[in-house]
Amino acid sequence: APEVSQQRRFRDTLRADPELVNAYAARKRAVLAAGATDGNDYNLGKD
């Protein structure tokens, strides 16, 4: 499935770029601060 390479690419891209990890962390904090109350809200906010 194409998703396999996408999962790997996302993981490996983050592993290679600490600044991108920081940006992703900031995005996740913002999603939660905006009021995400469950996993679906959280995942949609990171999409």
ModelCIF file with pLDDT and N, C-alpha, C, O atoms, coordinates in Angstrom:
data_MODEL
#
_entry.id   MODEL 
#
_entity.id                         1 
_entity.type                       polymer 
_entity.pdbx_number_of_molecules   1 
#
_entity_poly.entity_id                      1 
_entity_poly.type                           'polypeptide(L)' 
_entity_poly.nstd_linkage                   no 
_entity_poly.nstd_monomer                   no 
_entity_poly.pdbx_seq_one_letter_code       APEVSQQRRFRDTLRADPELVNAYAARKRAVLAAGATDGNDYNLGKD 
_entity_poly.pdbx_seq_one_letter_code_can   APEVSQQRRFRDTLRADPELVNAYAARKRAVLAAGATDGNDYNLGKD 
_entity_poly.pdbx_strand_id                 A 
#
loop_
_entity_poly_seq.entity_id 
_entity_poly_seq.num 
_entity_poly_seq.mon_id 
_entity_poly_seq.hetero 
1 1  ALA n 
1 2  PRO n 
1 3  GLU n 
1 4  VAL n 
1 5  SER n 
1 6  GLN n 
1 7  GLN n 
1 8  ARG n 
1 9  ARG n 
1 10 PHE n 
1 11 ARG n 
1 12 ASP n 
1 13 THR n 
1 14 LEU n 
1 15 ARG n 
1 16 ALA n 
1 17 ASP n 
1 18 PRO n 
1 19 GLU n 
1 20 LEU n 
1 21 VAL n 
1 22 ASN n 
1 23 ALA n 
1 24 TYR n 
1 25 ALA n 
1 26 ALA n 
1 27 ARG n 
1 28 LYS n 
1 29 ARG n 
1 30 ALA n 
1 31 VAL n 
1 32 LEU n 
1 33 ALA n 
1 34 ALA n 
1 35 GLY n 
1 36 ALA n 
1 37 THR n 
1 38 ASP n 
1 39 GLY n 
1 40 ASN n 
1 41 ASP n 
1 42 TYR n 
1 43 ASN n 
1 44 LEU n 
1 45 GLY n 
1 46 LYS n 
1 47 ASP n 
#
_struct_asym.id          A 
_struct_asym.entity_id   1 
#
loop_
_ma_qa_metric.id 
_ma_qa_metric.mode 
_ma_qa_metric.name 
_ma_qa_metric.software_group_id 
_ma_qa_metric.type 
1 global pLDDT . pLDDT 
2 local  pLDDT . pLDDT 
#
_ma_qa_metric_global.metric_id      1 
_ma_qa_metric_global.metric_value   90.02 
_ma_qa_metric_global.model_id       1 
_ma_qa_metric_global.ordinal_id     1 
#
loop_
_ma_qa_metric_local.label_asym_id 
_ma_qa_metric_local.label_comp_id 
_ma_qa_metric_local.label_seq_id 
_ma_qa_metric_local.metric_id 
_ma_qa_metric_local.metric_value 
_ma_qa_metric_local.model_id 
_ma_qa_metric_local.ordinal_id 
A ALA 1  2 97.00 1 1  
A PRO 2  2 96.00 1 2  
A GLU 3  2 96.00 1 3  
A VAL 4  2 98.00 1 4  
A SER 5  2 97.00 1 5  
A GLN 6  2 96.00 1 6  
A GLN 7  2 96.00 1 7  
A ARG 8  2 97.00 1 8  
A ARG 9  2 96.00 1 9  
A PHE 10 2 96.00 1 10 
A ARG 11 2 97.00 1 11 
A ASP 12 2 97.00 1 12 
A THR 13 2 96.00 1 13 
A LEU 14 2 96.00 1 14 
A ARG 15 2 97.00 1 15 
A ALA 16 2 97.00 1 16 
A ASP 17 2 96.00 1 17 
A PRO 18 2 96.00 1 18 
A GLU 19 2 96.00 1 19 
A LEU 20 2 96.00 1 20 
A VAL 21 2 96.00 1 21 
A ASN 22 2 95.00 1 22 
A ALA 23 2 95.00 1 23 
A TYR 24 2 95.00 1 24 
A ALA 25 2 92.00 1 25 
A ALA 26 2 92.00 1 26 
A ARG 27 2 93.00 1 27 
A LYS 28 2 89.00 1 28 
A ARG 29 2 87.00 1 29 
A ALA 30 2 89.00 1 30 
A VAL 31 2 87.00 1 31 
A LEU 32 2 83.00 1 32 
A ALA 33 2 83.00 1 33 
A ALA 34 2 85.00 1 34 
A GLY 35 2 80.00 1 35 
A ALA 36 2 76.00 1 36 
A THR 37 2 72.00 1 37 
A ASP 38 2 72.00 1 38 
A GLY 39 2 72.00 1 39 
A ASN 40 2 77.00 1 40 
A ASP 41 2 79.00 1 41 
A TYR 42 2 80.00 1 42 
A ASN 43 2 82.00 1 43 
A LEU 44 2 86.00 1 44 
A GLY 45 2 87.00 1 45 
A LYS 46 2 89.00 1 46 
A ASP 47 2 89.00 1 47 
#
loop_
_atom_site.group_PDB 
_atom_site.id 
_atom_site.type_symbol 
_atom_site.label_atom_id 
_atom_site.label_alt_id 
_atom_site.label_comp_id 
_atom_site.label_asym_id 
_atom_site.label_entity_id 
_atom_site.label_seq_id 
_atom_site.pdbx_PDB_ins_code 
_atom_site.Cartn_x 
_atom_site.Cartn_y 
_atom_site.Cartn_z 
_atom_site.occupancy 
_atom_site.B_iso_or_equiv 
_atom_site.pdbx_formal_charge 
_atom_site.auth_seq_id 
_atom_site.auth_comp_id 
_atom_site.auth_asym_id 
_atom_site.auth_atom_id 
_atom_site.pdbx_PDB_model_num 
ATOM 1   N N  . ALA A 1 1  ? 0.835   -1.208 0.000  1.00 97.00 ? 1  ALA A N  1 
ATOM 2   C CA . ALA A 1 1  ? 0.000   0.000  0.000  1.00 97.00 ? 1  ALA A CA 1 
ATOM 3   C C  . ALA A 1 1  ? 0.869   1.257  0.000  1.00 97.00 ? 1  ALA A C  1 
ATOM 4   O O  . ALA A 1 1  ? 1.911   1.279  0.655  1.00 97.00 ? 1  ALA A O  1 
ATOM 5   N N  . PRO A 1 2  ? 0.459   2.305  -0.725 1.00 96.00 ? 2  PRO A N  1 
ATOM 6   C CA . PRO A 1 2  ? 1.217   3.565  -0.722 1.00 96.00 ? 2  PRO A CA 1 
ATOM 7   C C  . PRO A 1 2  ? 1.393   4.155  0.677  1.00 96.00 ? 2  PRO A C  1 
ATOM 8   O O  . PRO A 1 2  ? 2.377   4.846  0.939  1.00 96.00 ? 2  PRO A O  1 
ATOM 9   N N  . GLU A 1 3  ? 0.455   3.888  1.562  1.00 96.00 ? 3  GLU A N  1 
ATOM 10  C CA . GLU A 1 3  ? 0.535   4.419  2.926  1.00 96.00 ? 3  GLU A CA 1 
ATOM 11  C C  . GLU A 1 3  ? 1.808   3.977  3.647  1.00 96.00 ? 3  GLU A C  1 
ATOM 12  O O  . GLU A 1 3  ? 2.317   4.700  4.503  1.00 96.00 ? 3  GLU A O  1 
ATOM 13  N N  . VAL A 1 4  ? 2.315   2.816  3.311  1.00 98.00 ? 4  VAL A N  1 
ATOM 14  C CA . VAL A 1 4  ? 3.512   2.293  3.977  1.00 98.00 ? 4  VAL A CA 1 
ATOM 15  C C  . VAL A 1 4  ? 4.681   3.255  3.783  1.00 98.00 ? 4  VAL A C  1 
ATOM 16  O O  . VAL A 1 4  ? 5.355   3.623  4.745  1.00 98.00 ? 4  VAL A O  1 
ATOM 17  N N  . SER A 1 5  ? 4.916   3.658  2.546  1.00 97.00 ? 5  SER A N  1 
ATOM 18  C CA . SER A 1 5  ? 6.038   4.574  2.296  1.00 97.00 ? 5  SER A CA 1 
ATOM 19  C C  . SER A 1 5  ? 5.760   5.940  2.907  1.00 97.00 ? 5  SER A C  1 
ATOM 20  O O  . SER A 1 5  ? 6.696   6.620  3.328  1.00 97.00 ? 5  SER A O  1 
ATOM 21  N N  . GLN A 1 6  ? 4.501   6.360  2.968  1.00 96.00 ? 6  GLN A N  1 
ATOM 22  C CA . GLN A 1 6  ? 4.167   7.637  3.597  1.00 96.00 ? 6  GLN A CA 1 
ATOM 23  C C  . GLN A 1 6  ? 4.449   7.606  5.093  1.00 96.00 ? 6  GLN A C  1 
ATOM 24  O O  . GLN A 1 6  ? 5.013   8.556  5.635  1.00 96.00 ? 6  GLN A O  1 
ATOM 25  N N  . GLN A 1 7  ? 4.066   6.529  5.764  1.00 96.00 ? 7  GLN A N  1 
ATOM 26  C CA . GLN A 1 7  ? 4.341   6.394  7.201  1.00 96.00 ? 7  GLN A CA 1 
ATOM 27  C C  . GLN A 1 7  ? 5.845   6.443  7.462  1.00 96.00 ? 7  GLN A C  1 
ATOM 28  O O  . GLN A 1 7  ? 6.309   7.137  8.367  1.00 96.00 ? 7  GLN A O  1 
ATOM 29  N N  . ARG A 1 8  ? 6.588   5.704  6.662  1.00 97.00 ? 8  ARG A N  1 
ATOM 30  C CA . ARG A 1 8  ? 8.043   5.680  6.834  1.00 97.00 ? 8  ARG A CA 1 
ATOM 31  C C  . ARG A 1 8  ? 8.655   7.049  6.545  1.00 97.00 ? 8  ARG A C  1 
ATOM 32  O O  . ARG A 1 8  ? 9.515   7.524  7.286  1.00 97.00 ? 8  ARG A O  1 
ATOM 33  N N  . ARG A 1 9  ? 8.205   7.672  5.463  1.00 96.00 ? 9  ARG A N  1 
ATOM 34  C CA . ARG A 1 9  ? 8.766   8.966  5.081  1.00 96.00 ? 9  ARG A CA 1 
ATOM 35  C C  . ARG A 1 9  ? 8.508   10.023 6.146  1.00 96.00 ? 9  ARG A C  1 
ATOM 36  O O  . ARG A 1 9  ? 9.398   10.815 6.456  1.00 96.00 ? 9  ARG A O  1 
ATOM 37  N N  . PHE A 1 10 ? 7.301   10.046 6.712  1.00 96.00 ? 10 PHE A N  1 
ATOM 38  C CA . PHE A 1 10 ? 6.998   11.027 7.747  1.00 96.00 ? 10 PHE A CA 1 
ATOM 39  C C  . PHE A 1 10 ? 7.890   10.803 8.966  1.00 96.00 ? 10 PHE A C  1 
ATOM 40  O O  . PHE A 1 10 ? 8.490   11.746 9.482  1.00 96.00 ? 10 PHE A O  1 
ATOM 41  N N  . ARG A 1 11 ? 7.975   9.556  9.423  1.00 97.00 ? 11 ARG A N  1 
ATOM 42  C CA . ARG A 1 11 ? 8.836   9.229  10.572 1.00 97.00 ? 11 ARG A CA 1 
ATOM 43  C C  . ARG A 1 11 ? 10.290  9.603  10.300 1.00 97.00 ? 11 ARG A C  1 
ATOM 44  O O  . ARG A 1 11 ? 10.932  10.259 11.120 1.00 97.00 ? 11 ARG A O  1 
ATOM 45  N N  . ASP A 1 12 ? 10.800  9.188  9.154  1.00 97.00 ? 12 ASP A N  1 
ATOM 46  C CA . ASP A 1 12 ? 12.208  9.402  8.852  1.00 97.00 ? 12 ASP A CA 1 
ATOM 47  C C  . ASP A 1 12 ? 12.537  10.880 8.615  1.00 97.00 ? 12 ASP A C  1 
ATOM 48  O O  . ASP A 1 12 ? 13.630  11.335 8.952  1.00 97.00 ? 12 ASP A O  1 
ATOM 49  N N  . THR A 1 13 ? 11.601  11.620 8.040  1.00 96.00 ? 13 THR A N  1 
ATOM 50  C CA . THR A 1 13 ? 11.800  13.055 7.840  1.00 96.00 ? 13 THR A CA 1 
ATOM 51  C C  . THR A 1 13 ? 11.889  13.763 9.183  1.00 96.00 ? 13 THR A C  1 
ATOM 52  O O  . THR A 1 13 ? 12.747  14.624 9.378  1.00 96.00 ? 13 THR A O  1 
ATOM 53  N N  . LEU A 1 14 ? 11.009  13.405 10.110 1.00 96.00 ? 14 LEU A N  1 
ATOM 54  C CA . LEU A 1 14 ? 11.076  13.997 11.451 1.00 96.00 ? 14 LEU A CA 1 
ATOM 55  C C  . LEU A 1 14 ? 12.383  13.624 12.147 1.00 96.00 ? 14 LEU A C  1 
ATOM 56  O O  . LEU A 1 14 ? 13.029  14.475 12.759 1.00 96.00 ? 14 LEU A O  1 
ATOM 57  N N  . ARG A 1 15 ? 12.767  12.367 12.054 1.00 97.00 ? 15 ARG A N  1 
ATOM 58  C CA . ARG A 1 15 ? 14.012  11.937 12.707 1.00 97.00 ? 15 ARG A CA 1 
ATOM 59  C C  . ARG A 1 15 ? 15.224  12.721 12.207 1.00 97.00 ? 15 ARG A C  1 
ATOM 60  O O  . ARG A 1 15 ? 16.176  12.941 12.956 1.00 97.00 ? 15 ARG A O  1 
ATOM 61  N N  . ALA A 1 16 ? 15.188  13.136 10.955 1.00 97.00 ? 16 ALA A N  1 
ATOM 62  C CA . ALA A 1 16 ? 16.335  13.818 10.349 1.00 97.00 ? 16 ALA A CA 1 
ATOM 63  C C  . ALA A 1 16 ? 16.335  15.337 10.559 1.00 97.00 ? 16 ALA A C  1 
ATOM 64  O O  . ALA A 1 16 ? 17.314  16.001 10.219 1.00 97.00 ? 16 ALA A O  1 
ATOM 65  N N  . ASP A 1 17 ? 15.258  15.891 11.111 1.00 96.00 ? 17 ASP A N  1 
ATOM 66  C CA . ASP A 1 17 ? 15.135  17.351 11.167 1.00 96.00 ? 17 ASP A CA 1 
ATOM 67  C C  . ASP A 1 17 ? 14.581  17.813 12.512 1.00 96.00 ? 17 ASP A C  1 
ATOM 68  O O  . ASP A 1 17 ? 13.363  17.883 12.680 1.00 96.00 ? 17 ASP A O  1 
ATOM 69  N N  . PRO A 1 18 ? 15.458  18.134 13.481 1.00 96.00 ? 18 PRO A N  1 
ATOM 70  C CA . PRO A 1 18 ? 15.001  18.576 14.802 1.00 96.00 ? 18 PRO A CA 1 
ATOM 71  C C  . PRO A 1 18 ? 14.110  19.820 14.747 1.00 96.00 ? 18 PRO A C  1 
ATOM 72  O O  . PRO A 1 18 ? 13.208  19.963 15.572 1.00 96.00 ? 18 PRO A O  1 
ATOM 73  N N  . GLU A 1 19 ? 14.346  20.710 13.800 1.00 96.00 ? 19 GLU A N  1 
ATOM 74  C CA . GLU A 1 19 ? 13.497  21.903 13.688 1.00 96.00 ? 19 GLU A CA 1 
ATOM 75  C C  . GLU A 1 19 ? 12.077  21.516 13.267 1.00 96.00 ? 19 GLU A C  1 
ATOM 76  O O  . GLU A 1 19 ? 11.103  22.111 13.727 1.00 96.00 ? 19 GLU A O  1 
ATOM 77  N N  . LEU A 1 20 ? 11.971  20.532 12.405 1.00 96.00 ? 20 LEU A N  1 
ATOM 78  C CA . LEU A 1 20 ? 10.656  20.048 11.996 1.00 96.00 ? 20 LEU A CA 1 
ATOM 79  C C  . LEU A 1 20 ? 9.944   19.377 13.169 1.00 96.00 ? 20 LEU A C  1 
ATOM 80  O O  . LEU A 1 20 ? 8.730   19.514 13.323 1.00 96.00 ? 20 LEU A O  1 
ATOM 81  N N  . VAL A 1 21 ? 10.696  18.654 13.992 1.00 96.00 ? 21 VAL A N  1 
ATOM 82  C CA . VAL A 1 21 ? 10.124  18.063 15.205 1.00 96.00 ? 21 VAL A CA 1 
ATOM 83  C C  . VAL A 1 21 ? 9.566   19.167 16.098 1.00 96.00 ? 21 VAL A C  1 
ATOM 84  O O  . VAL A 1 21 ? 8.463   19.035 16.629 1.00 96.00 ? 21 VAL A O  1 
ATOM 85  N N  . ASN A 1 22 ? 10.316  20.252 16.268 1.00 95.00 ? 22 ASN A N  1 
ATOM 86  C CA . ASN A 1 22 ? 9.835   21.375 17.087 1.00 95.00 ? 22 ASN A CA 1 
ATOM 87  C C  . ASN A 1 22 ? 8.578   21.992 16.499 1.00 95.00 ? 22 ASN A C  1 
ATOM 88  O O  . ASN A 1 22 ? 7.653   22.331 17.237 1.00 95.00 ? 22 ASN A O  1 
ATOM 89  N N  . ALA A 1 23 ? 8.532   22.142 15.181 1.00 95.00 ? 23 ALA A N  1 
ATOM 90  C CA . ALA A 1 23 ? 7.333   22.701 14.532 1.00 95.00 ? 23 ALA A CA 1 
ATOM 91  C C  . ALA A 1 23 ? 6.137   21.767 14.702 1.00 95.00 ? 23 ALA A C  1 
ATOM 92  O O  . ALA A 1 23 ? 5.016   22.221 14.935 1.00 95.00 ? 23 ALA A O  1 
ATOM 93  N N  . TYR A 1 24 ? 6.378   20.469 14.584 1.00 95.00 ? 24 TYR A N  1 
ATOM 94  C CA . TYR A 1 24 ? 5.299   19.491 14.765 1.00 95.00 ? 24 TYR A CA 1 
ATOM 95  C C  . TYR A 1 24 ? 4.800   19.521 16.207 1.00 95.00 ? 24 TYR A C  1 
ATOM 96  O O  . TYR A 1 24 ? 3.594   19.477 16.449 1.00 95.00 ? 24 TYR A O  1 
ATOM 97  N N  . ALA A 1 25 ? 5.715   19.596 17.156 1.00 92.00 ? 25 ALA A N  1 
ATOM 98  C CA . ALA A 1 25 ? 5.331   19.686 18.570 1.00 92.00 ? 25 ALA A CA 1 
ATOM 99  C C  . ALA A 1 25 ? 4.494   20.935 18.821 1.00 92.00 ? 25 ALA A C  1 
ATOM 100 O O  . ALA A 1 25 ? 3.502   20.885 19.548 1.00 92.00 ? 25 ALA A O  1 
ATOM 101 N N  . ALA A 1 26 ? 4.892   22.048 18.223 1.00 92.00 ? 26 ALA A N  1 
ATOM 102 C CA . ALA A 1 26 ? 4.129   23.291 18.384 1.00 92.00 ? 26 ALA A CA 1 
ATOM 103 C C  . ALA A 1 26 ? 2.732   23.143 17.796 1.00 92.00 ? 26 ALA A C  1 
ATOM 104 O O  . ALA A 1 26 ? 1.756   23.625 18.370 1.00 92.00 ? 26 ALA A O  1 
ATOM 105 N N  . ARG A 1 27 ? 2.639   22.470 16.643 1.00 93.00 ? 27 ARG A N  1 
ATOM 106 C CA . ARG A 1 27 ? 1.321   22.257 16.030 1.00 93.00 ? 27 ARG A CA 1 
ATOM 107 C C  . ARG A 1 27 ? 0.439   21.405 16.944 1.00 93.00 ? 27 ARG A C  1 
ATOM 108 O O  . ARG A 1 27 ? -0.740  21.707 17.125 1.00 93.00 ? 27 ARG A O  1 
ATOM 109 N N  . LYS A 1 28 ? 1.000   20.355 17.513 1.00 89.00 ? 28 LYS A N  1 
ATOM 110 C CA . LYS A 1 28 ? 0.222   19.482 18.404 1.00 89.00 ? 28 LYS A CA 1 
ATOM 111 C C  . LYS A 1 28 ? -0.230  20.233 19.656 1.00 89.00 ? 28 LYS A C  1 
ATOM 112 O O  . LYS A 1 28 ? -1.367  20.075 20.102 1.00 89.00 ? 28 LYS A O  1 
ATOM 113 N N  . ARG A 1 29 ? 0.659   21.046 20.220 1.00 87.00 ? 29 ARG A N  1 
ATOM 114 C CA . ARG A 1 29 ? 0.257   21.853 21.385 1.00 87.00 ? 29 ARG A CA 1 
ATOM 115 C C  . ARG A 1 29 ? -0.876  22.801 21.020 1.00 87.00 ? 29 ARG A C  1 
ATOM 116 O O  . ARG A 1 29 ? -1.810  22.986 21.800 1.00 87.00 ? 29 ARG A O  1 
ATOM 117 N N  . ALA A 1 30 ? -0.797  23.403 19.835 1.00 89.00 ? 30 ALA A N  1 
ATOM 118 C CA . ALA A 1 30 ? -1.838  24.335 19.394 1.00 89.00 ? 30 ALA A CA 1 
ATOM 119 C C  . ALA A 1 30 ? -3.173  23.624 19.202 1.00 89.00 ? 30 ALA A C  1 
ATOM 120 O O  . ALA A 1 30 ? -4.221  24.172 19.542 1.00 89.00 ? 30 ALA A O  1 
ATOM 121 N N  . VAL A 1 31 ? -3.144  22.426 18.667 1.00 87.00 ? 31 VAL A N  1 
ATOM 122 C CA . VAL A 1 31 ? -4.377  21.652 18.479 1.00 87.00 ? 31 VAL A CA 1 
ATOM 123 C C  . VAL A 1 31 ? -5.031  21.380 19.835 1.00 87.00 ? 31 VAL A C  1 
ATOM 124 O O  . VAL A 1 31 ? -6.242  21.538 19.990 1.00 87.00 ? 31 VAL A O  1 
ATOM 125 N N  . LEU A 1 32 ? -4.232  20.973 20.804 1.00 83.00 ? 32 LEU A N  1 
ATOM 126 C CA . LEU A 1 32 ? -4.767  20.705 22.131 1.00 83.00 ? 32 LEU A CA 1 
ATOM 127 C C  . LEU A 1 32 ? -5.242  21.992 22.814 1.00 83.00 ? 32 LEU A C  1 
ATOM 128 O O  . LEU A 1 32 ? -6.291  22.005 23.459 1.00 83.00 ? 32 LEU A O  1 
ATOM 129 N N  . ALA A 1 33 ? -4.478  23.056 22.671 1.00 83.00 ? 33 ALA A N  1 
ATOM 130 C CA . ALA A 1 33 ? -4.864  24.328 23.289 1.00 83.00 ? 33 ALA A CA 1 
ATOM 131 C C  . ALA A 1 33 ? -6.148  24.886 22.675 1.00 83.00 ? 33 ALA A C  1 
ATOM 132 O O  . ALA A 1 33 ? -6.886  25.627 23.324 1.00 83.00 ? 33 ALA A O  1 
ATOM 133 N N  . ALA A 1 34 ? -6.405  24.524 21.420 1.00 85.00 ? 34 ALA A N  1 
ATOM 134 C CA . ALA A 1 34 ? -7.628  24.979 20.745 1.00 85.00 ? 34 ALA A CA 1 
ATOM 135 C C  . ALA A 1 34 ? -8.849  24.198 21.205 1.00 85.00 ? 34 ALA A C  1 
ATOM 136 O O  . ALA A 1 34 ? -9.975  24.527 20.831 1.00 85.00 ? 34 ALA A O  1 
ATOM 137 N N  . GLY A 1 35 ? -8.634  23.162 22.017 1.00 80.00 ? 35 GLY A N  1 
ATOM 138 C CA . GLY A 1 35 ? -9.762  22.445 22.606 1.00 80.00 ? 35 GLY A CA 1 
ATOM 139 C C  . GLY A 1 35 ? -10.037 21.057 22.079 1.00 80.00 ? 35 GLY A C  1 
ATOM 140 O O  . GLY A 1 35 ? -11.134 20.538 22.287 1.00 80.00 ? 35 GLY A O  1 
ATOM 141 N N  . ALA A 1 36 ? -9.085  20.431 21.405 1.00 76.00 ? 36 ALA A N  1 
ATOM 142 C CA . ALA A 1 36 ? -9.285  19.043 20.976 1.00 76.00 ? 36 ALA A CA 1 
ATOM 143 C C  . ALA A 1 36 ? -9.613  18.201 22.203 1.00 76.00 ? 36 ALA A C  1 
ATOM 144 O O  . ALA A 1 36 ? -8.878  18.217 23.191 1.00 76.00 ? 36 ALA A O  1 
ATOM 145 N N  . THR A 1 37 ? -10.713 17.470 22.136 1.00 72.00 ? 37 THR A N  1 
ATOM 146 C CA . THR A 1 37 ? -11.145 16.705 23.309 1.00 72.00 ? 37 THR A CA 1 
ATOM 147 C C  . THR A 1 37 ? -11.018 15.194 23.147 1.00 72.00 ? 37 THR A C  1 
ATOM 148 O O  . THR A 1 37 ? -11.242 14.446 24.099 1.00 72.00 ? 37 THR A O  1 
ATOM 149 N N  . ASP A 1 38 ? -10.662 14.746 21.957 1.00 72.00 ? 38 ASP A N  1 
ATOM 150 C CA . ASP A 1 38 ? -10.475 13.303 21.757 1.00 72.00 ? 38 ASP A CA 1 
ATOM 151 C C  . ASP A 1 38 ? -9.479  13.081 20.627 1.00 72.00 ? 38 ASP A C  1 
ATOM 152 O O  . ASP A 1 38 ? -9.008  14.026 19.995 1.00 72.00 ? 38 ASP A O  1 
ATOM 153 N N  . GLY A 1 39 ? -9.174  11.819 20.392 1.00 72.00 ? 39 GLY A N  1 
ATOM 154 C CA . GLY A 1 39 ? -8.179  11.470 19.387 1.00 72.00 ? 39 GLY A CA 1 
ATOM 155 C C  . GLY A 1 39 ? -8.542  11.920 17.989 1.00 72.00 ? 39 GLY A C  1 
ATOM 156 O O  . GLY A 1 39 ? -7.663  12.315 17.223 1.00 72.00 ? 39 GLY A O  1 
ATOM 157 N N  . ASN A 1 40 ? -9.828  11.869 17.637 1.00 77.00 ? 40 ASN A N  1 
ATOM 158 C CA . ASN A 1 40 ? -10.221 12.300 16.296 1.00 77.00 ? 40 ASN A CA 1 
ATOM 159 C C  . ASN A 1 40 ? -9.962  13.789 16.100 1.00 77.00 ? 40 ASN A C  1 
ATOM 160 O O  . ASN A 1 40 ? -9.412  14.196 15.076 1.00 77.00 ? 40 ASN A O  1 
ATOM 161 N N  . ASP A 1 41 ? -10.358 14.605 17.082 1.00 79.00 ? 41 ASP A N  1 
ATOM 162 C CA . ASP A 1 41 ? -10.104 16.044 16.992 1.00 79.00 ? 41 ASP A CA 1 
ATOM 163 C C  . ASP A 1 41 ? -8.606  16.307 16.869 1.00 79.00 ? 41 ASP A C  1 
ATOM 164 O O  . ASP A 1 41 ? -8.169  17.125 16.059 1.00 79.00 ? 41 ASP A O  1 
ATOM 165 N N  . TYR A 1 42 ? -7.848  15.617 17.668 1.00 80.00 ? 42 TYR A N  1 
ATOM 166 C CA . TYR A 1 42 ? -6.392  15.786 17.689 1.00 80.00 ? 42 TYR A CA 1 
ATOM 167 C C  . TYR A 1 42 ? -5.797  15.423 16.325 1.00 80.00 ? 42 TYR A C  1 
ATOM 168 O O  . TYR A 1 42 ? -4.989  16.172 15.777 1.00 80.00 ? 42 TYR A O  1 
ATOM 169 N N  . ASN A 1 43 ? -6.197  14.281 15.786 1.00 82.00 ? 43 ASN A N  1 
ATOM 170 C CA . ASN A 1 43 ? -5.653  13.833 14.500 1.00 82.00 ? 43 ASN A CA 1 
ATOM 171 C C  . ASN A 1 43 ? -6.044  14.773 13.364 1.00 82.00 ? 43 ASN A C  1 
ATOM 172 O O  . ASN A 1 43 ? -5.219  15.082 12.503 1.00 82.00 ? 43 ASN A O  1 
ATOM 173 N N  . LEU A 1 44 ? -7.285  15.225 13.355 1.00 86.00 ? 44 LEU A N  1 
ATOM 174 C CA . LEU A 1 44 ? -7.711  16.170 12.317 1.00 86.00 ? 44 LEU A CA 1 
ATOM 175 C C  . LEU A 1 44 ? -6.920  17.467 12.391 1.00 86.00 ? 44 LEU A C  1 
ATOM 176 O O  . LEU A 1 44 ? -6.592  18.058 11.362 1.00 86.00 ? 44 LEU A O  1 
ATOM 177 N N  . GLY A 1 45 ? -6.615  17.908 13.598 1.00 87.00 ? 45 GLY A N  1 
ATOM 178 C CA . GLY A 1 45 ? -5.852  19.136 13.775 1.00 87.00 ? 45 GLY A CA 1 
ATOM 179 C C  . GLY A 1 45 ? -4.414  19.035 13.300 1.00 87.00 ? 45 GLY A C  1 
ATOM 180 O O  . GLY A 1 45 ? -3.803  20.049 12.963 1.00 87.00 ? 45 GLY A O  1 
ATOM 181 N N  . LYS A 1 46 ? -3.861  17.826 13.268 1.00 89.00 ? 46 LYS A N  1 
ATOM 182 C CA . LYS A 1 46 ? -2.477  17.615 12.817 1.00 89.00 ? 46 LYS A CA 1 
ATOM 183 C C  . LYS A 1 46 ? -2.398  17.323 11.326 1.00 89.00 ? 46 LYS A C  1 
ATOM 184 O O  . LYS A 1 46 ? -1.312  17.355 10.749 1.00 89.00 ? 46 LYS A O  1 
ATOM 185 N N  . ASP A 1 47 ? -3.520  17.044 10.702 1.00 89.00 ? 47 ASP A N  1 
ATOM 186 C CA . ASP A 1 47 ? -3.551  16.535 9.332  1.00 89.00 ? 47 ASP A CA 1 
ATOM 187 C C  . ASP A 1 47 ? -2.844  17.442 8.325  1.00 89.00 ? 47 ASP A C  1 
ATOM 188 O O  . ASP A 1 47 ? -2.799  17.127 7.136  1.00 89.00 ? 47 ASP A O  1 
#
